[in-house]
Amino acid sequence: MSYLYLIIAIIAEVIATSAMKASNGFNLLVPSVITILGYAVAIYFLSLIMKVIPVGITYALWSGAGIILVSLVGWIYYKQYLDLAAIIGLAFMITGILIIHLFSNSTEI
């Protein structure tokens, strides 16, 4: 169940961050409300995950996956350019998440 909660937390955070961009500095109501609700959902599910997975590992997985997915949303939806250095950095993050998930005993429930 913890990984389902983690996925929900990540998706909620990505939606909230993407809506924040669309809110134009909290000047547009609907994206602003989506931002606030998205972060509330993300933090709630993050708190549930931290009951069973150590805080450092939880945060590394949540923030790392969030950064990667928000970068993809920015690239695809907002047409924000990712240069080679950004792509390499994101690839290292993906590698780090895979190493934690596949080889670390810290995530065992």
Protein backbone atom coordinates (compact mmCIF):
# COMPACT_ATOMS: atom_id res chain seq x y z
CA MET A 1 0.00 0.00 0.00
CA SER A 2 2.91 2.34 0.70
CA TYR A 3 4.00 2.43 -2.91
CA LEU A 4 0.44 3.18 -4.04
CA TYR A 5 0.43 6.09 -1.55
CA LEU A 6 3.80 7.20 -2.89
CA ILE A 7 2.49 7.19 -6.46
CA ILE A 8 -0.57 9.21 -5.39
CA ALA A 9 1.69 11.70 -3.56
CA ILE A 10 3.93 12.07 -6.61
CA ILE A 11 1.05 12.53 -9.05
CA ALA A 12 -0.65 15.06 -6.75
CA GLU A 13 2.59 17.02 -6.42
CA VAL A 14 3.17 17.05 -10.18
CA ILE A 15 -0.40 18.26 -10.79
CA ALA A 16 -0.03 20.93 -8.09
CA THR A 17 3.30 22.19 -9.41
CA SER A 18 2.03 22.26 -12.99
CA ALA A 19 -1.10 24.13 -11.88
CA MET A 20 1.07 26.61 -9.98
CA LYS A 21 2.73 27.56 -13.26
CA ALA A 22 -0.71 27.99 -14.83
CA SER A 23 -1.96 30.07 -11.86
CA ASN A 24 0.12 33.05 -13.00
CA GLY A 25 1.37 33.83 -9.50
CA PHE A 26 -1.93 32.78 -7.87
CA ASN A 27 -3.82 35.32 -9.99
CA LEU A 28 -6.10 32.72 -11.61
CA LEU A 29 -8.62 30.99 -9.33
CA VAL A 30 -8.95 27.49 -10.77
CA PRO A 31 -5.23 26.71 -11.14
CA SER A 32 -4.61 28.26 -7.70
CA VAL A 33 -7.21 26.00 -6.07
CA ILE A 34 -5.78 22.97 -7.91
CA THR A 35 -2.33 23.90 -6.61
CA ILE A 36 -3.47 24.13 -3.00
CA LEU A 37 -5.54 20.94 -3.12
CA GLY A 38 -2.81 19.05 -4.97
CA TYR A 39 -0.19 19.90 -2.39
CA ALA A 40 -2.59 19.05 0.45
CA VAL A 41 -3.19 15.60 -1.07
CA ALA A 42 0.53 15.11 -1.72
CA ILE A 43 1.52 16.02 1.85
CA TYR A 44 -1.22 13.86 3.35
CA PHE A 45 -0.15 10.75 1.42
CA LEU A 46 3.50 11.57 2.05
CA SER A 47 2.77 11.55 5.79
CA LEU A 48 1.23 8.08 5.49
CA ILE A 49 4.27 6.76 3.65
CA MET A 50 6.61 8.06 6.34
CA LYS A 51 4.96 5.73 8.85
CA VAL A 52 6.65 2.77 7.15
CA ILE A 53 9.50 4.08 4.96
CA PRO A 54 12.30 6.23 6.44
CA VAL A 55 11.89 9.95 5.90
CA GLY A 56 15.09 10.37 3.85
CA ILE A 57 14.23 7.58 1.44
CA THR A 58 10.60 8.71 1.18
CA TYR A 59 11.61 12.27 0.40
CA ALA A 60 14.30 11.20 -2.08
CA LEU A 61 11.82 9.07 -4.03
CA TRP A 62 9.00 11.66 -3.87
CA SER A 63 11.05 14.70 -4.76
CA GLY A 64 13.21 12.91 -7.35
CA ALA A 65 10.26 11.44 -9.23
CA GLY A 66 8.43 14.76 -8.91
CA ILE A 67 11.33 16.70 -10.40
CA ILE A 68 11.61 14.30 -13.32
CA LEU A 69 7.88 14.33 -14.06
CA VAL A 70 7.50 18.11 -13.64
CA SER A 71 10.44 18.54 -16.04
CA LEU A 72 8.61 16.35 -18.58
CA VAL A 73 5.39 18.33 -18.12
CA GLY A 74 7.33 21.56 -18.58
CA TRP A 75 8.99 20.21 -21.71
CA ILE A 76 5.84 18.75 -23.30
CA TYR A 77 3.05 21.06 -22.11
CA TYR A 78 4.82 24.37 -21.52
CA LYS A 79 7.37 23.88 -24.33
CA GLN A 80 10.28 24.55 -21.96
CA TYR A 81 13.59 23.48 -23.46
CA LEU A 82 15.75 20.86 -21.73
CA ASP A 83 19.39 21.07 -22.75
CA LEU A 84 21.84 18.17 -22.69
CA ALA A 85 23.04 18.96 -19.16
CA ALA A 86 19.44 18.92 -17.85
CA ILE A 87 18.73 15.62 -19.59
CA ILE A 88 21.90 14.05 -18.18
CA GLY A 89 21.04 15.31 -14.70
CA LEU A 90 17.52 13.88 -14.93
CA ALA A 91 18.98 10.57 -16.16
CA PHE A 92 21.19 10.46 -13.04
CA MET A 93 18.11 11.06 -10.91
CA ILE A 94 16.27 8.19 -12.62
CA THR A 95 19.32 6.00 -12.02
CA GLY A 96 19.36 6.98 -8.34
CA ILE A 97 15.67 6.20 -7.91
CA LEU A 98 16.15 2.81 -9.56
CA ILE A 99 19.14 2.01 -7.36
CA ILE A 100 17.17 2.87 -4.21
CA HIS A 101 14.14 0.90 -5.36
CA LEU A 102 16.00 -2.17 -6.59
CA PHE A 103 18.91 -2.51 -4.19
CA SER A 104 18.21 -0.67 -0.94
CA ASN A 105 16.85 -2.51 2.06
CA SER A 106 15.74 0.84 3.50
CA THR A 107 12.49 0.71 1.56
CA GLU A 108 11.37 -2.68 2.83
CA ILE A 109 8.09 -2.58 4.61
